[in-house]
Amino acid sequence: MQYRIADIHDLPAIVSIYNSTIAGRMVTADLEEITVESRLEWFQRHTDLRPLWVVEEDGKILGWISLEPFYGRAAYHKTVEVSIYLHEDARGKGLGRNMLQFVLDQSEALDFKTVLGFVFGHNKPSIRLFERFGFERWANMPHVAELDGIERDLVILGKRIRP
């Protein structure tokens, strides 16, 4: 398994993996599939300090990780929001743990101190993943999302990585 910075040729696979999560209503607040074109600007916003990685094995992309600035204001420059998405064939096999550990290991090189994960309250597997790594529930935003007529909570999980 190899981690590498995503390049533009990876974007169709990244979008495909993302789209595969929409129907399950557990991972994303998007209700309809997105397009590669609609993600170009998002892709280009990733920088050396807030990268987008793919994880691949034998030339197949198994998942991706993105780090994004939190709240878009300069005072929050040491805080990142992490997103982890897995190909359907790679789910439930421990890759998510490996990917989250990879992110935490990058904190010094990428100069961030705090990591946040935004997770639906009903997404127990993702909440357990973050909690296994010492993330705590820093916020619960009740009923802020509506998925197929069902109101859902958003949980913000946070961890301070270094002083």
Protein backbone atom coordinates (compact mmCIF):
# COMPACT_ATOMS: atom_id res chain seq x y z
CA MET A 1 0.00 0.00 0.00
CA GLN A 2 1.29 3.41 -0.94
CA TYR A 3 0.27 6.96 -0.01
CA ARG A 4 0.94 9.72 -2.49
CA ILE A 5 -0.24 13.22 -3.27
CA ALA A 6 -3.17 13.04 -5.66
CA ASP A 7 -2.76 14.36 -9.16
CA ILE A 8 -5.46 15.56 -11.52
CA HIS A 9 -5.63 12.14 -13.20
CA ASP A 10 -6.82 10.68 -9.88
CA LEU A 11 -9.84 12.95 -9.69
CA PRO A 12 -12.27 10.59 -11.48
CA ALA A 13 -11.43 7.80 -8.98
CA ILE A 14 -11.70 10.24 -6.06
CA VAL A 15 -15.12 11.37 -7.26
CA SER A 16 -16.24 7.78 -7.87
CA ILE A 17 -15.29 6.76 -4.32
CA TYR A 18 -17.07 9.80 -2.92
CA ASN A 19 -20.19 9.13 -4.99
CA SER A 20 -20.28 5.54 -3.74
CA THR A 21 -20.96 6.86 -0.22
CA ILE A 22 -23.90 9.11 -1.05
CA ALA A 23 -26.67 6.51 -1.25
CA GLY A 24 -25.85 5.11 2.20
CA ARG A 25 -26.64 8.46 3.87
CA MET A 26 -23.94 7.86 6.49
CA VAL A 27 -20.91 9.78 5.29
CA THR A 28 -21.76 12.88 3.28
CA ALA A 29 -24.47 15.50 3.22
CA ASP A 30 -24.59 15.46 -0.57
CA LEU A 31 -27.83 13.90 -1.72
CA GLU A 32 -26.96 13.43 -5.38
CA GLU A 33 -23.81 12.35 -7.14
CA ILE A 34 -21.22 14.98 -7.95
CA THR A 35 -19.18 15.37 -11.13
CA VAL A 36 -15.47 15.55 -11.74
CA GLU A 37 -15.96 19.04 -13.14
CA SER A 38 -17.74 20.19 -9.97
CA ARG A 39 -14.73 19.10 -7.90
CA LEU A 40 -11.98 20.78 -9.92
CA GLU A 41 -11.86 23.93 -7.79
CA TRP A 42 -11.89 21.86 -4.58
CA PHE A 43 -9.05 19.72 -5.94
CA GLN A 44 -6.98 22.76 -6.87
CA ARG A 45 -7.40 24.34 -3.41
CA HIS A 46 -5.31 21.57 -1.86
CA THR A 47 -1.77 22.71 -1.19
CA ASP A 48 1.49 21.26 0.07
CA LEU A 49 0.38 22.10 3.63
CA ARG A 50 -3.22 20.93 3.18
CA PRO A 51 -2.83 17.99 0.80
CA LEU A 52 -5.08 15.50 -0.84
CA TRP A 53 -3.62 12.00 -0.79
CA VAL A 54 -4.66 8.80 -2.45
CA VAL A 55 -3.94 5.35 -1.08
CA GLU A 56 -3.28 2.75 -3.71
CA GLU A 57 -2.32 -0.86 -4.00
CA ASP A 58 -1.29 -2.55 -7.23
CA GLY A 59 -2.27 0.58 -9.15
CA LYS A 60 -5.82 0.68 -7.74
CA ILE A 61 -6.93 3.63 -5.61
CA LEU A 62 -8.39 2.24 -2.38
CA GLY A 63 -9.23 5.55 -0.77
CA TRP A 64 -8.33 9.15 -0.29
CA ILE A 65 -7.65 11.64 2.48
CA SER A 66 -8.04 15.37 2.33
CA LEU A 67 -6.90 18.01 4.77
CA GLU A 68 -8.63 21.33 4.57
CA PRO A 69 -8.30 24.55 6.52
CA PHE A 70 -10.81 24.97 9.30
CA TYR A 71 -13.18 27.92 8.98
CA GLY A 72 -11.03 29.76 6.42
CA ARG A 73 -9.63 32.39 8.79
CA ALA A 74 -5.93 32.99 9.45
CA ALA A 75 -6.13 32.47 13.22
CA TYR A 76 -7.15 28.84 12.64
CA HIS A 77 -4.10 28.00 10.49
CA LYS A 78 -2.89 25.28 12.90
CA THR A 79 -6.22 23.42 12.72
CA VAL A 80 -7.26 21.07 9.91
CA GLU A 81 -10.39 19.21 8.99
CA VAL A 82 -9.73 15.66 7.85
CA SER A 83 -11.89 13.69 5.43
CA ILE A 84 -11.33 10.00 4.76
CA TYR A 85 -13.14 8.06 2.04
CA LEU A 86 -12.71 4.41 1.14
CA HIS A 87 -13.52 2.41 -1.97
CA GLU A 88 -16.37 -0.03 -1.30
CA ASP A 89 -14.00 -3.01 -1.60
CA ALA A 90 -11.65 -1.55 1.03
CA ARG A 91 -14.19 -0.80 3.78
CA GLY A 92 -14.18 -2.73 7.04
CA LYS A 93 -10.62 -4.01 6.65
CA GLY A 94 -8.70 -1.61 8.88
CA LEU A 95 -7.62 0.78 6.15
CA GLY A 96 -9.45 3.68 7.82
CA ARG A 97 -7.31 3.20 10.94
CA ASN A 98 -4.18 3.13 8.84
CA MET A 99 -5.24 6.30 7.01
CA LEU A 100 -6.08 8.22 10.17
CA GLN A 101 -2.74 7.25 11.71
CA PHE A 102 -1.03 8.45 8.52
CA VAL A 103 -2.70 11.86 8.91
CA LEU A 104 -1.69 12.17 12.55
CA ASP A 105 1.89 11.26 11.63
CA GLN A 106 1.97 14.22 9.21
CA SER A 107 1.19 16.87 11.84
CA GLU A 108 4.71 18.15 12.42
CA ALA A 109 5.74 18.22 8.76
CA LEU A 110 2.51 19.97 7.74
CA ASP A 111 2.55 22.26 10.78
CA PHE A 112 -0.87 21.60 12.25
CA LYS A 113 -1.70 21.05 15.91
CA THR A 114 -5.40 20.24 15.96
CA VAL A 115 -7.40 17.82 13.81
CA LEU A 116 -11.17 17.90 13.45
CA GLY A 117 -13.51 15.33 11.99
CA PHE A 118 -17.10 16.18 11.07
CA VAL A 119 -19.22 13.02 11.34
CA PHE A 120 -22.94 12.36 11.28
CA GLY A 121 -24.14 11.28 14.74
CA HIS A 122 -25.60 8.07 13.31
CA ASN A 123 -22.28 7.07 11.70
CA LYS A 124 -21.15 4.95 14.63
CA PRO A 125 -18.27 3.21 12.78
CA SER A 126 -16.61 6.55 11.94
CA ILE A 127 -17.17 7.92 15.44
CA ARG A 128 -15.59 4.78 16.92
CA LEU A 129 -12.63 5.14 14.54
CA PHE A 130 -11.90 8.68 15.68
CA GLU A 131 -12.47 7.84 19.35
CA ARG A 132 -9.97 4.94 19.10
CA PHE A 133 -7.37 7.55 18.25
CA GLY A 134 -8.22 9.74 21.23
CA PHE A 135 -10.53 12.17 19.49
CA GLU A 136 -13.20 13.64 21.75
CA ARG A 137 -16.65 14.98 20.98
CA TRP A 138 -16.15 18.70 20.95
CA ALA A 139 -19.56 19.59 19.58
CA ASN A 140 -22.92 18.06 18.84
CA MET A 141 -25.07 19.96 16.41
CA PRO A 142 -28.52 18.39 16.69
CA HIS A 143 -30.80 18.08 13.69
CA VAL A 144 -28.69 20.26 11.35
CA ALA A 145 -28.95 17.89 8.38
CA GLU A 146 -31.96 16.32 6.72
CA LEU A 147 -31.44 13.10 4.79
CA ASP A 148 -34.51 11.67 3.09
CA GLY A 149 -36.82 13.41 5.53
CA ILE A 150 -34.86 12.32 8.62
CA GLU A 151 -33.10 14.98 10.67
CA ARG A 152 -29.55 14.04 11.59
CA ASP A 153 -26.98 15.36 14.04
CA LEU A 154 -23.47 16.45 13.15
CA VAL A 155 -20.75 15.56 15.64
CA ILE A 156 -17.45 17.41 15.61
CA LEU A 157 -14.64 15.26 16.91
CA GLY A 158 -11.37 16.92 17.80
CA LYS A 159 -7.88 16.06 18.91
CA ARG A 160 -4.97 18.23 19.92
CA ILE A 161 -1.89 16.60 18.37
CA ARG A 162 0.90 18.69 19.83
CA PRO A 163 1.37 21.85 21.89
